[in-house]
């Protein structure tokens, strides 16, 4: 199940990063509603990636000892 969640997260994260980089490099500002939605969701998408899928995330190691599986 986790690989599918990672796939869908990256399916949203990569276009959001592309829109942000295009905007910051002096290109065109986001014009479509879905581009603005991706920019608004970008902090949450990055947080989800870092928290659950990145090597920097806590995952199981940050849980309290009685909650570890």
Protein backbone atom coordinates (compact mmCIF):
# COMPACT_ATOMS: atom_id res chain seq x y z
CA UNK A 1 0.00 0.00 0.00
CA UNK A 2 2.84 2.39 0.82
CA UNK A 3 4.35 2.31 -2.71
CA UNK A 4 0.98 3.34 -4.15
CA UNK A 5 0.71 6.24 -1.72
CA UNK A 6 4.22 7.34 -2.64
CA UNK A 7 3.34 7.14 -6.34
CA UNK A 8 0.26 9.35 -5.93
CA UNK A 9 2.15 11.78 -3.71
CA UNK A 10 4.92 12.15 -6.28
CA UNK A 11 2.31 12.44 -9.02
CA UNK A 12 1.22 15.68 -7.32
CA UNK A 13 4.57 16.80 -5.94
CA UNK A 14 6.56 16.91 -9.19
CA UNK A 15 4.09 19.10 -11.11
CA UNK A 16 3.78 21.39 -8.08
CA UNK A 17 7.55 21.83 -7.97
CA UNK A 18 7.63 22.45 -11.72
CA UNK A 19 5.00 25.20 -11.43
CA UNK A 20 6.89 26.79 -8.53
CA UNK A 21 10.26 26.74 -10.31
CA UNK A 22 8.75 28.18 -13.51
CA UNK A 23 7.18 30.97 -11.50
CA UNK A 24 10.35 31.76 -9.50
CA UNK A 25 12.61 31.82 -12.55
CA UNK A 26 10.69 34.76 -13.96
CA UNK A 27 8.50 32.70 -16.17
CA UNK A 28 4.80 32.77 -16.35
CA UNK A 29 2.75 33.00 -13.19
CA UNK A 30 0.29 30.16 -12.64
CA UNK A 31 -2.82 30.82 -14.69
CA UNK A 32 -5.02 27.77 -14.29
CA UNK A 33 -6.87 26.96 -11.08
CA UNK A 34 -5.12 23.60 -10.75
CA UNK A 35 -1.70 25.28 -10.84
CA UNK A 36 -2.70 27.56 -7.98
CA UNK A 37 -4.12 24.55 -6.13
CA UNK A 38 -0.80 22.73 -6.50
CA UNK A 39 1.08 25.76 -5.17
CA UNK A 40 -1.25 26.01 -2.18
CA UNK A 41 -0.87 22.28 -1.49
CA UNK A 42 2.92 22.27 -1.96
CA UNK A 43 3.87 22.74 1.74
CA UNK A 44 1.58 19.88 2.76
CA UNK A 45 2.90 17.65 -0.03
CA UNK A 46 6.51 18.33 0.99
CA UNK A 47 5.66 17.69 4.63
CA UNK A 48 4.00 14.36 3.78
CA UNK A 49 6.99 13.29 1.72
CA UNK A 50 9.56 14.24 4.36
CA UNK A 51 7.52 12.80 7.23
CA UNK A 52 6.56 9.45 5.73
CA UNK A 53 8.84 8.61 2.80
CA UNK A 54 12.13 10.48 3.10
CA UNK A 55 15.21 9.29 4.92
CA UNK A 56 14.92 12.50 6.95
CA UNK A 57 11.44 11.64 8.22
CA UNK A 58 10.80 10.08 11.58
CA UNK A 59 8.55 7.20 10.63
CA UNK A 60 8.66 4.44 13.23
CA UNK A 61 11.68 5.77 15.08
CA UNK A 62 9.88 8.85 16.45
CA UNK A 63 7.00 6.99 18.05
CA UNK A 64 6.70 6.53 21.77
CA UNK A 65 8.14 3.18 22.94
CA UNK A 66 4.73 1.69 23.82
CA UNK A 67 3.35 2.57 20.37
CA UNK A 68 6.12 0.97 18.30
CA UNK A 69 5.06 -2.08 16.30
